[in-house]
Amino acid sequence: MSQRFIVVSWTNFHLPVEITIEERGTEVQKEFRALMSYTDCEIPGFCRAVYGRVKEDPETVWILAGWENDTSLNVFEATNASVEQRAALSDFGATLLDTHRFNVDGEF
């Protein structure tokens, strides 16, 4: 029987709306996307990462990253890439970084 869910790490933080991460093709967006070091690491089990502002609270941003299992996410969180990512997000202006995990049933 195959696994029916993936593990998603959900990191939320506050980022002023003046930092226009959602404007495609801008230098700000390119710099922000570069901070998602998930794509630069070679951790088996990484699926993909997406981000966006919360419509009801535009100063809140979520990064959702999909992982095949808890082990893959645990390995990533133990790397320097994970520590450096959180530090870089803070340097970018993100405050109140908070990460959670949940299982998503179905496709991601």
PDB file of N, CA and C in Angstrom:
ATOM      1  N   MET A   1       0.843  -1.182   0.000  1.00  0.00           N
ATOM      2  CA  MET A   1       0.000   0.000   0.000  1.00  0.00           C
ATOM      3  C   MET A   1       0.883   1.237   0.000  1.00  0.00           C
ATOM      4  N   SER A   2       0.609   2.172  -0.867  1.00  0.00           N
ATOM      5  CA  SER A   2       1.416   3.389  -0.937  1.00  0.00           C
ATOM      6  C   SER A   2       0.944   4.412   0.102  1.00  0.00           C
ATOM      7  N   GLN A   3       1.853   5.305   0.428  1.00  0.00           N
ATOM      8  CA  GLN A   3       1.556   6.364   1.393  1.00  0.00           C
ATOM      9  C   GLN A   3       0.534   7.316   0.791  1.00  0.00           C
ATOM     10  N   ARG A   4      -0.476   7.685   1.552  1.00  0.00           N
ATOM     11  CA  ARG A   4      -1.547   8.536   1.038  1.00  0.00           C
ATOM     12  C   ARG A   4      -1.352  10.001   1.366  1.00  0.00           C
ATOM     13  N   PHE A   5      -0.305  10.347   2.093  1.00  0.00           N
ATOM     14  CA  PHE A   5      -0.124  11.740   2.464  1.00  0.00           C
ATOM     15  C   PHE A   5       1.336  12.136   2.361  1.00  0.00           C
ATOM     16  N   ILE A   6       1.565  13.432   2.320  1.00  0.00           N
ATOM     17  CA  ILE A   6       2.917  13.957   2.438  1.00  0.00           C
ATOM     18  C   ILE A   6       2.961  14.850   3.671  1.00  0.00           C
ATOM     19  N   VAL A   7       4.153  15.132   4.114  1.00  0.00           N
ATOM     20  CA  VAL A   7       4.348  16.039   5.243  1.00  0.00           C
ATOM     21  C   VAL A   7       4.594  17.432   4.673  1.00  0.00           C
ATOM     22  N   VAL A   8       3.903  18.410   5.208  1.00  0.00           N
ATOM     23  CA  VAL A   8       4.088  19.790   4.776  1.00  0.00           C
ATOM     24  C   VAL A   8       4.584  20.597   5.958  1.00  0.00           C
ATOM     25  N   SER A   9       5.675  21.328   5.738  1.00  0.00           N
ATOM     26  CA  SER A   9       6.098  22.291   6.748  1.00  0.00           C
ATOM     27  C   SER A   9       5.504  23.635   6.352  1.00  0.00           C
ATOM     28  N   TRP A  10       4.917  24.288   7.302  1.00  0.00           N
ATOM     29  CA  TRP A  10       4.233  25.550   7.093  1.00  0.00           C
ATOM     30  C   TRP A  10       4.936  26.573   7.969  1.00  0.00           C
ATOM     31  N   THR A  11       5.648  27.494   7.330  1.00  0.00           N
ATOM     32  CA  THR A  11       6.336  28.558   8.054  1.00  0.00           C
ATOM     33  C   THR A  11       5.588  29.852   7.803  1.00  0.00           C
ATOM     34  N   ASN A  12       5.170  30.489   8.871  1.00  0.00           N
ATOM     35  CA  ASN A  12       4.501  31.769   8.711  1.00  0.00           C
ATOM     36  C   ASN A  12       5.320  32.843   9.418  1.00  0.00           C
ATOM     37  N   PHE A  13       5.242  34.040   8.866  1.00  0.00           N
ATOM     38  CA  PHE A  13       5.977  35.167   9.432  1.00  0.00           C
ATOM     39  C   PHE A  13       5.350  36.461   8.943  1.00  0.00           C
ATOM     40  N   HIS A  14       5.722  37.541   9.577  1.00  0.00           N
ATOM     41  CA  HIS A  14       5.255  38.859   9.171  1.00  0.00           C
ATOM     42  C   HIS A  14       6.306  39.509   8.285  1.00  0.00           C
ATOM     43  N   LEU A  15       5.839  40.132   7.201  1.00  0.00           N
ATOM     44  CA  LEU A  15       6.707  40.842   6.278  1.00  0.00           C
ATOM     45  C   LEU A  15       5.925  42.046   5.766  1.00  0.00           C
ATOM     46  N   PRO A  16       6.447  43.259   5.953  1.00  0.00           N
ATOM     47  CA  PRO A  16       5.708  44.451   5.517  1.00  0.00           C
ATOM     48  C   PRO A  16       5.302  44.366   4.052  1.00  0.00           C
ATOM     49  N   VAL A  17       4.110  44.861   3.741  1.00  0.00           N
ATOM     50  CA  VAL A  17       3.616  44.808   2.359  1.00  0.00           C
ATOM     51  C   VAL A  17       4.476  45.646   1.422  1.00  0.00           C
ATOM     52  N   GLU A  18       5.250  46.569   1.978  1.00  0.00           N
ATOM     53  CA  GLU A  18       6.144  47.379   1.141  1.00  0.00           C
ATOM     54  C   GLU A  18       7.244  46.528   0.514  1.00  0.00           C
ATOM     55  N   ILE A  19       7.522  45.367   1.096  1.00  0.00           N
ATOM     56  CA  ILE A  19       8.481  44.425   0.515  1.00  0.00           C
ATOM     57  C   ILE A  19       7.679  43.547  -0.441  1.00  0.00           C
ATOM     58  N   THR A  20       7.737  43.882  -1.713  1.00  0.00           N
ATOM     59  CA  THR A  20       6.796  43.360  -2.714  1.00  0.00           C
ATOM     60  C   THR A  20       7.247  42.020  -3.311  1.00  0.00           C
ATOM     61  N   ILE A  21       7.185  40.985  -2.488  1.00  0.00           N
ATOM     62  CA  ILE A  21       7.620  39.653  -2.915  1.00  0.00           C
ATOM     63  C   ILE A  21       6.703  39.034  -3.964  1.00  0.00           C
ATOM     64  N   GLU A  22       5.494  39.546  -4.095  1.00  0.00           N
ATOM     65  CA  GLU A  22       4.534  38.940  -5.017  1.00  0.00           C
ATOM     66  C   GLU A  22       4.588  39.534  -6.424  1.00  0.00           C
ATOM     67  N   GLU A  23       5.377  40.563  -6.654  1.00  0.00           N
ATOM     68  CA  GLU A  23       5.467  41.169  -7.984  1.00  0.00           C
ATOM     69  C   GLU A  23       6.486  40.400  -8.818  1.00  0.00           C
ATOM     70  N   ARG A  24       5.980  39.616  -9.749  1.00  0.00           N
ATOM     71  CA  ARG A  24       6.816  38.710 -10.545  1.00  0.00           C
ATOM     72  C   ARG A  24       7.891  39.459 -11.337  1.00  0.00           C
ATOM     73  N   GLY A  25       9.079  38.854 -11.335  1.00  0.00           N
ATOM     74  CA  GLY A  25      10.173  39.367 -12.133  1.00  0.00           C
ATOM     75  C   GLY A  25      10.963  40.508 -11.507  1.00  0.00           C
ATOM     76  N   THR A  26      10.538  40.993 -10.361  1.00  0.00           N
ATOM     77  CA  THR A  26      11.265  42.088  -9.716  1.00  0.00           C
ATOM     78  C   THR A  26      12.480  41.547  -8.968  1.00  0.00           C
ATOM     79  N   GLU A  27      13.426  42.416  -8.690  1.00  0.00           N
ATOM     80  CA  GLU A  27      14.604  42.016  -7.921  1.00  0.00           C
ATOM     81  C   GLU A  27      14.213  41.536  -6.525  1.00  0.00           C
ATOM     82  N   VAL A  28      13.221  42.193  -5.935  1.00  0.00           N
ATOM     83  CA  VAL A  28      12.778  41.800  -4.590  1.00  0.00           C
ATOM     84  C   VAL A  28      12.251  40.368  -4.625  1.00  0.00           C
ATOM     85  N   GLN A  29      11.429  40.057  -5.618  1.00  0.00           N
ATOM     86  CA  GLN A  29      10.896  38.704  -5.701  1.00  0.00           C
ATOM     87  C   GLN A  29      12.007  37.686  -5.942  1.00  0.00           C
ATOM     88  N   LYS A  30      12.951  38.014  -6.811  1.00  0.00           N
ATOM     89  CA  LYS A  30      14.068  37.103  -7.086  1.00  0.00           C
ATOM     90  C   LYS A  30      14.886  36.853  -5.819  1.00  0.00           C
ATOM     91  N   GLU A  31      15.153  37.914  -5.061  1.00  0.00           N
ATOM     92  CA  GLU A  31      15.908  37.768  -3.816  1.00  0.00           C
ATOM     93  C   GLU A  31      15.143  36.904  -2.822  1.00  0.00           C
ATOM     94  N   PHE A  32      13.837  37.118  -2.719  1.00  0.00           N
ATOM     95  CA  PHE A  32      13.031  36.349  -1.776  1.00  0.00           C
ATOM     96  C   PHE A  32      12.995  34.874  -2.177  1.00  0.00           C
ATOM     97  N   ARG A  33      12.775  34.609  -3.451  1.00  0.00           N
ATOM     98  CA  ARG A  33      12.735  33.212  -3.914  1.00  0.00           C
ATOM     99  C   ARG A  33      14.061  32.514  -3.676  1.00  0.00           C
ATOM    100  N   ALA A  34      15.156  33.250  -3.788  1.00  0.00           N
ATOM    101  CA  ALA A  34      16.478  32.667  -3.548  1.00  0.00           C
ATOM    102  C   ALA A  34      16.636  32.237  -2.091  1.00  0.00           C
ATOM    103  N   LEU A  35      15.852  32.820  -1.202  1.00  0.00           N
ATOM    104  CA  LEU A  35      15.933  32.460   0.212  1.00  0.00           C
ATOM    105  C   LEU A  35      15.316  31.099   0.501  1.00  0.00           C
ATOM    106  N   MET A  36      14.501  30.618  -0.402  1.00  0.00           N
ATOM    107  CA  MET A  36      13.894  29.306  -0.187  1.00  0.00           C
ATOM    108  C   MET A  36      14.903  28.247  -0.577  1.00  0.00           C
ATOM    109  N   SER A  37      15.848  28.036   0.301  1.00  0.00           N
ATOM    110  CA  SER A  37      16.991  27.171   0.017  1.00  0.00           C
ATOM    111  C   SER A  37      16.611  25.700  -0.093  1.00  0.00           C
ATOM    112  N   TYR A  38      15.335  25.383   0.105  1.00  0.00           N
ATOM    113  CA  TYR A  38      14.915  23.999  -0.079  1.00  0.00           C
ATOM    114  C   TYR A  38      15.341  23.524  -1.464  1.00  0.00           C
ATOM    115  N   THR A  39      15.188  24.393  -2.460  1.00  0.00           N
ATOM    116  CA  THR A  39      15.459  24.000  -3.833  1.00  0.00           C
ATOM    117  C   THR A  39      16.950  23.882  -4.113  1.00  0.00           C
ATOM    118  N   ASP A  40      17.784  24.464  -3.254  1.00  0.00           N
ATOM    119  CA  ASP A  40      19.227  24.400  -3.458  1.00  0.00           C
ATOM    120  C   ASP A  40      19.858  23.221  -2.734  1.00  0.00           C
ATOM    121  N   CYS A  41      19.144  22.647  -1.786  1.00  0.00           N
ATOM    122  CA  CYS A  41      19.736  21.553  -1.022  1.00  0.00           C
ATOM    123  C   CYS A  41      19.464  20.232  -1.743  1.00  0.00           C
ATOM    124  N   GLU A  42      20.246  19.248  -1.420  1.00  0.00           N
ATOM    125  CA  GLU A  42      20.092  17.939  -2.046  1.00  0.00           C
ATOM    126  C   GLU A  42      19.567  16.947  -1.023  1.00  0.00           C
ATOM    127  N   ILE A  43      18.483  17.297  -0.373  1.00  0.00           N
ATOM    128  CA  ILE A  43      17.875  16.439   0.629  1.00  0.00           C
ATOM    129  C   ILE A  43      16.847  15.552  -0.078  1.00  0.00           C
ATOM    130  N   PRO A  44      17.048  14.238  -0.075  1.00  0.00           N
ATOM    131  CA  PRO A  44      16.048  13.356  -0.681  1.00  0.00           C
ATOM    132  C   PRO A  44      14.693  13.535   0.021  1.00  0.00           C
ATOM    133  N   GLY A  45      13.650  13.504  -0.756  1.00  0.00           N
ATOM    134  CA  GLY A  45      12.315  13.588  -0.186  1.00  0.00           C
ATOM    135  C   GLY A  45      11.677  14.959  -0.288  1.00  0.00           C
ATOM    136  N   PHE A  46      12.409  15.974  -0.742  1.00  0.00           N
ATOM    137  CA  PHE A  46      11.818  17.296  -0.940  1.00  0.00           C
ATOM    138  C   PHE A  46      10.935  17.255  -2.179  1.00  0.00           C
ATOM    139  N   CYS A  47       9.710  17.777  -2.078  1.00  0.00           N
ATOM    140  CA  CYS A  47       8.787  17.787  -3.220  1.00  0.00           C
ATOM    141  C   CYS A  47       8.769  19.149  -3.903  1.00  0.00           C
ATOM    142  N   ARG A  48       8.290  20.156  -3.183  1.00  0.00           N
ATOM    143  CA  ARG A  48       8.239  21.508  -3.732  1.00  0.00           C
ATOM    144  C   ARG A  48       7.892  22.489  -2.635  1.00  0.00           C
ATOM    145  N   ALA A  49       8.126  23.772  -2.920  1.00  0.00           N
ATOM    146  CA  ALA A  49       7.779  24.831  -1.971  1.00  0.00           C
ATOM    147  C   ALA A  49       7.012  25.923  -2.709  1.00  0.00           C
ATOM    148  N   VAL A  50       6.046  26.491  -2.024  1.00  0.00           N
ATOM    149  CA  VAL A  50       5.272  27.615  -2.541  1.00  0.00           C
ATOM    150  C   VAL A  50       5.143  28.640  -1.422  1.00  0.00           C
ATOM    151  N   TYR A  51       4.863  29.875  -1.788  1.00  0.00           N
ATOM    152  CA  TYR A  51       4.680  30.906  -0.770  1.00  0.00           C
ATOM    153  C   TYR A  51       3.631  31.908  -1.222  1.00  0.00           C
ATOM    154  N   GLY A  52       3.117  32.655  -0.277  1.00  0.00           N
ATOM    155  CA  GLY A  52       2.163  33.703  -0.595  1.00  0.00           C
ATOM    156  C   GLY A  52       1.726  34.451   0.658  1.00  0.00           C
ATOM    157  N   ARG A  53       1.137  35.592   0.422  1.00  0.00           N
ATOM    158  CA  ARG A  53       0.601  36.408   1.517  1.00  0.00           C
ATOM    159  C   ARG A  53      -0.803  35.927   1.863  1.00  0.00           C
ATOM    160  N   VAL A  54      -1.149  36.047   3.120  1.00  0.00           N
ATOM    161  CA  VAL A  54      -2.490  35.682   3.579  1.00  0.00           C
ATOM    162  C   VAL A  54      -3.434  36.831   3.204  1.00  0.00           C
ATOM    163  N   LYS A  55      -4.461  36.539   2.460  1.00  0.00           N
ATOM    164  CA  LYS A  55      -5.368  37.593   1.973  1.00  0.00           C
ATOM    165  C   LYS A  55      -5.998  38.401   3.101  1.00  0.00           C
ATOM    166  N   GLU A  56      -6.369  37.718   4.198  1.00  0.00           N
ATOM    167  CA  GLU A  56      -7.022  38.416   5.308  1.00  0.00           C
ATOM    168  C   GLU A  56      -6.038  39.232   6.146  1.00  0.00           C
ATOM    169  N   ASP A  57      -4.744  38.971   5.991  1.00  0.00           N
ATOM    170  CA  ASP A  57      -3.705  39.672   6.752  1.00  0.00           C
ATOM    171  C   ASP A  57      -2.461  39.754   5.874  1.00  0.00           C
ATOM    172  N   PRO A  58      -2.406  40.713   4.940  1.00  0.00           N
ATOM    173  CA  PRO A  58      -1.346  40.757   3.935  1.00  0.00           C
ATOM    174  C   PRO A  58       0.079  40.875   4.480  1.00  0.00           C
ATOM    175  N   GLU A  59       0.244  41.229   5.730  1.00  0.00           N
ATOM    176  CA  GLU A  59       1.596  41.276   6.285  1.00  0.00           C
ATOM    177  C   GLU A  59       2.051  39.904   6.775  1.00  0.00           C
ATOM    178  N   THR A  60       1.177  38.915   6.701  1.00  0.00           N
ATOM    179  CA  THR A  60       1.541  37.548   7.058  1.00  0.00           C
ATOM    180  C   THR A  60       1.812  36.765   5.780  1.00  0.00           C
ATOM    181  N   VAL A  61       2.971  36.095   5.751  1.00  0.00           N
ATOM    182  CA  VAL A  61       3.380  35.290   4.603  1.00  0.00           C
ATOM    183  C   VAL A  61       3.509  33.844   5.064  1.00  0.00           C
ATOM    184  N   TRP A  62       3.104  32.928   4.203  1.00  0.00           N
ATOM    185  CA  TRP A  62       3.269  31.499   4.473  1.00  0.00           C
ATOM    186  C   TRP A  62       4.204  30.916   3.419  1.00  0.00           C
ATOM    187  N   ILE A  63       5.111  30.063   3.857  1.00  0.00           N
ATOM    188  CA  ILE A  63       5.885  29.198   2.961  1.00  0.00           C
ATOM    189  C   ILE A  63       5.437  27.779   3.270  1.00  0.00           C
ATOM    190  N   LEU A  64       4.957  27.088   2.263  1.00  0.00           N
ATOM    191  CA  LEU A  64       4.561  25.692   2.404  1.00  0.00           C
ATOM    192  C   LEU A  64       5.554  24.850   1.616  1.00  0.00           C
ATOM    193  N   ALA A  65       6.165  23.878   2.287  1.00  0.00           N
ATOM    194  CA  ALA A  65       7.118  22.984   1.620  1.00  0.00           C
ATOM    195  C   ALA A  65       6.659  21.548   1.819  1.00  0.00           C
ATOM    196  N   GLY A  66       6.583  20.814   0.726  1.00  0.00           N
ATOM    197  CA  GLY A  66       6.150  19.422   0.781  1.00  0.00           C
ATOM    198  C   GLY A  66       7.333  18.485   0.861  1.00  0.00           C
ATOM    199  N   TRP A  67       7.202  17.466   1.703  1.00  0.00           N
ATOM    200  CA  TRP A  67       8.236  16.450   1.929  1.00  0.00           C
ATOM    201  C   TRP A  67       7.588  15.074   1.861  1.00  0.00           C
ATOM    202  N   GLU A  68       8.329  14.094   1.379  1.00  0.00           N
ATOM    203  CA  GLU A  68       7.786  12.747   1.269  1.00  0.00           C
ATOM    204  C   GLU A  68       7.480  12.128   2.625  1.00  0.00           C
ATOM    205  N   ASN A  69       8.244  12.533   3.651  1.00  0.00           N
ATOM    206  CA  ASN A  69       8.032  11.950   4.977  1.00  0.00           C
ATOM    207  C   ASN A  69       8.697  12.819   6.041  1.00  0.00           C
ATOM    208  N   ASP A  70       8.424  12.510   7.302  1.00  0.00           N
ATOM    209  CA  ASP A  70       9.007  13.262   8.410  1.00  0.00           C
ATOM    210  C   ASP A  70      10.526  13.171   8.428  1.00  0.00           C
ATOM    211  N   THR A  71      11.064  12.025   8.054  1.00  0.00           N
ATOM    212  CA  THR A  71      12.514  11.840   8.076  1.00  0.00           C
ATOM    213  C   THR A  71      13.205  12.848   7.162  1.00  0.00           C
ATOM    214  N   SER A  72      12.676  13.032   5.960  1.00  0.00           N
ATOM    215  CA  SER A  72      13.270  13.992   5.019  1.00  0.00           C
ATOM    216  C   SER A  72      13.267  15.401   5.604  1.00  0.00           C
ATOM    217  N   LEU A  73      12.154  15.787   6.206  1.00  0.00           N
ATOM    218  CA  LEU A  73      12.071  17.113   6.809  1.00  0.00           C
ATOM    219  C   LEU A  73      13.014  17.221   7.999  1.00  0.00           C
ATOM    220  N   ASN A  74      13.103  16.173   8.803  1.00  0.00           N
ATOM    221  CA  ASN A  74      14.036  16.188   9.935  1.00  0.00           C
ATOM    222  C   ASN A  74      15.476  16.372   9.468  1.00  0.00           C
ATOM    223  N   VAL A  75      15.840  15.677   8.388  1.00  0.00           N
ATOM    224  CA  VAL A  75      17.198  15.796   7.849  1.00  0.00           C
ATOM    225  C   VAL A  75      17.449  17.239   7.400  1.00  0.00           C
ATOM    226  N   PHE A  76      16.490  17.816   6.668  1.00  0.00           N
ATOM    227  CA  PHE A  76      16.656  19.204   6.216  1.00  0.00           C
ATOM    228  C   PHE A  76      16.808  20.153   7.406  1.00  0.00           C
ATOM    229  N   GLU A  77      15.945  20.005   8.404  1.00  0.00           N
ATOM    230  CA  GLU A  77      15.982  20.924   9.545  1.00  0.00           C
ATOM    231  C   GLU A  77      17.283  20.820  10.335  1.00  0.00           C
ATOM    232  N   ALA A  78      18.024  19.726  10.174  1.00  0.00           N
ATOM    233  CA  ALA A  78      19.304  19.557  10.865  1.00  0.00           C
ATOM    234  C   ALA A  78      20.485  20.105  10.054  1.00  0.00           C
ATOM    235  N   THR A  79      20.229  20.617   8.850  1.00  0.00           N
ATOM    236  CA  THR A  79      21.309  21.109   7.992  1.00  0.00           C
ATOM    237  C   THR A  79      21.590  22.588   8.225  1.00  0.00           C
ATOM    238  N   ASN A  80      22.773  23.000   7.783  1.00  0.00           N
ATOM    239  CA  ASN A  80      23.111  24.423   7.805  1.00  0.00           C
ATOM    240  C   ASN A  80      22.192  25.212   6.881  1.00  0.00           C
ATOM    241  N   ALA A  81      21.730  24.587   5.788  1.00  0.00           N
ATOM    242  CA  ALA A  81      20.839  25.270   4.849  1.00  0.00           C
ATOM    243  C   ALA A  81      19.567  25.740   5.548  1.00  0.00           C
ATOM    244  N   SER A  82      19.038  24.938   6.448  1.00  0.00           N
ATOM    245  CA  SER A  82      17.836  25.316   7.187  1.00  0.00           C
ATOM    246  C   SER A  82      18.105  26.506   8.107  1.00  0.00           C
ATOM    247  N   VAL A  83      19.199  26.439   8.843  1.00  0.00           N
ATOM    248  CA  VAL A  83      19.571  27.528   9.756  1.00  0.00           C
ATOM    249  C   VAL A  83      19.823  28.815   8.966  1.00  0.00           C
ATOM    250  N   GLU A  84      20.544  28.689   7.864  1.00  0.00           N
ATOM    251  CA  GLU A  84      20.854  29.856   7.030  1.00  0.00           C
ATOM    252  C   GLU A  84      19.598  30.448   6.411  1.00  0.00           C
ATOM    253  N   GLN A  85      18.648  29.596   6.034  1.00  0.00           N
ATOM    254  CA  GLN A  85      17.398  30.091   5.461  1.00  0.00           C
ATOM    255  C   GLN A  85      16.646  30.950   6.470  1.00  0.00           C
ATOM    256  N   ARG A  86      16.524  30.474   7.678  1.00  0.00           N
ATOM    257  CA  ARG A  86      15.800  31.235   8.711  1.00  0.00           C
ATOM    258  C   ARG A  86      16.509  32.554   9.007  1.00  0.00           C
ATOM    259  N   ALA A  87      17.830  32.529   9.051  1.00  0.00           N
ATOM    260  CA  ALA A  87      18.587  33.761   9.289  1.00  0.00           C
ATOM    261  C   ALA A  87      18.405  34.737   8.134  1.00  0.00           C
ATOM    262  N   ALA A  88      18.434  34.223   6.905  1.00  0.00           N
ATOM    263  CA  ALA A  88      18.270  35.087   5.738  1.00  0.00           C
ATOM    264  C   ALA A  88      16.870  35.681   5.675  1.00  0.00           C
ATOM    265  N   LEU A  89      15.856  34.903   6.030  1.00  0.00           N
ATOM    266  CA  LEU A  89      14.494  35.448   6.070  1.00  0.00           C
ATOM    267  C   LEU A  89      14.406  36.571   7.097  1.00  0.00           C
ATOM    268  N   SER A  90      15.036  36.397   8.231  1.00  0.00           N
ATOM    269  CA  SER A  90      15.052  37.450   9.254  1.00  0.00           C
ATOM    270  C   SER A  90      15.762  38.695   8.727  1.00  0.00           C
ATOM    271  N   ASP A  91      16.894  38.494   8.048  1.00  0.00           N
ATOM    272  CA  ASP A  91      17.631  39.623   7.468  1.00  0.00           C
ATOM    273  C   ASP A  91      16.805  40.332   6.403  1.00  0.00           C
ATOM    274  N   PHE A  92      15.959  39.584   5.708  1.00  0.00           N
ATOM    275  CA  PHE A  92      15.121  40.150   4.651  1.00  0.00           C
ATOM    276  C   PHE A  92      14.031  41.041   5.236  1.00  0.00           C
ATOM    277  N   GLY A  93      13.737  40.869   6.502  1.00  0.00           N
ATOM    278  CA  GLY A  93      12.721  41.680   7.155  1.00  0.00           C
ATOM    279  C   GLY A  93      11.609  40.880   7.795  1.00  0.00           C
ATOM    280  N   ALA A  94      11.686  39.557   7.688  1.00  0.00           N
ATOM    281  CA  ALA A  94      10.653  38.697   8.256  1.00  0.00           C
ATOM    282  C   ALA A  94      10.786  38.664   9.779  1.00  0.00           C
ATOM    283  N   THR A  95       9.661  38.759  10.459  1.00  0.00           N
ATOM    284  CA  THR A  95       9.645  38.658  11.915  1.00  0.00           C
ATOM    285  C   THR A  95       8.645  37.594  12.348  1.00  0.00           C
ATOM    286  N   LEU A  96       8.800  37.136  13.552  1.00  0.00           N
ATOM    287  CA  LEU A  96       7.904  36.145  14.148  1.00  0.00           C
ATOM    288  C   LEU A  96       7.846  34.853  13.337  1.00  0.00           C
ATOM    289  N   LEU A  97       9.024  34.371  12.902  1.00  0.00           N
ATOM    290  CA  LEU A  97       9.076  33.109  12.163  1.00  0.00           C
ATOM    291  C   LEU A  97       8.577  31.970  13.035  1.00  0.00           C
ATOM    292  N   ASP A  98       7.649  31.199  12.501  1.00  0.00           N
ATOM    293  CA  ASP A  98       7.046  30.095  13.244  1.00  0.00           C
ATOM    294  C   ASP A  98       6.758  28.966  12.262  1.00  0.00           C
ATOM    295  N   THR A  99       7.235  27.759  12.566  1.00  0.00           N
ATOM    296  CA  THR A  99       7.058  26.632  11.643  1.00  0.00           C
ATOM    297  C   THR A  99       6.243  25.521  12.293  1.00  0.00           C
ATOM    298  N   HIS A 100       5.358  24.931  11.502  1.00  0.00           N
ATOM    299  CA  HIS A 100       4.502  23.827  11.927  1.00  0.00           C
ATOM    300  C   HIS A 100       4.609  22.721  10.884  1.00  0.00           C
ATOM    301  N   ARG A 101       4.098  21.554  11.229  1.00  0.00           N
ATOM    302  CA  ARG A 101       4.018  20.436  10.289  1.00  0.00           C
ATOM    303  C   ARG A 101       2.593  19.907  10.273  1.00  0.00           C
ATOM    304  N   PHE A 102       2.194  19.428   9.114  1.00  0.00           N
ATOM    305  CA  PHE A 102       0.932  18.700   9.042  1.00  0.00           C
ATOM    306  C   PHE A 102       0.992  17.732   7.884  1.00  0.00           C
ATOM    307  N   ASN A 103       0.149  16.737   7.923  1.00  0.00           N
ATOM    308  CA  ASN A 103       0.050  15.753   6.843  1.00  0.00           C
ATOM    309  C   ASN A 103      -1.042  16.192   5.880  1.00  0.00           C
ATOM    310  N   VAL A 104      -0.738  16.117   4.597  1.00  0.00           N
ATOM    311  CA  VAL A 104      -1.706  16.457   3.573  1.00  0.00           C
ATOM    312  C   VAL A 104      -2.105  15.162   2.881  1.00  0.00           C
ATOM    313  N   ASP A 105      -3.377  14.880   2.860  1.00  0.00           N
ATOM    314  CA  ASP A 105      -3.902  13.691   2.199  1.00  0.00           C
ATOM    315  C   ASP A 105      -4.045  13.990   0.717  1.00  0.00           C
ATOM    316  N   GLY A 106      -3.487  13.139  -0.126  1.00  0.00           N
ATOM    317  CA  GLY A 106      -3.632  13.314  -1.563  1.00  0.00           C
ATOM    318  C   GLY A 106      -2.412  13.942  -2.203  1.00  0.00           C
ATOM    319  N   GLU A 107      -2.601  14.571  -3.349  1.00  0.00           N
ATOM    320  CA  GLU A 107      -1.518  15.135  -4.154  1.00  0.00           C
ATOM    321  C   GLU A 107      -1.145  16.531  -3.677  1.00  0.00           C
ATOM    322  N   PHE A 108       0.131  16.872  -3.852  1.00  0.00           N
ATOM    323  CA  PHE A 108       0.618  18.219  -3.536  1.00  0.00           C
ATOM    324  C   PHE A 108       1.272  18.769  -4.768  1.00  0.00           C
TER     325      PHE A 108
END
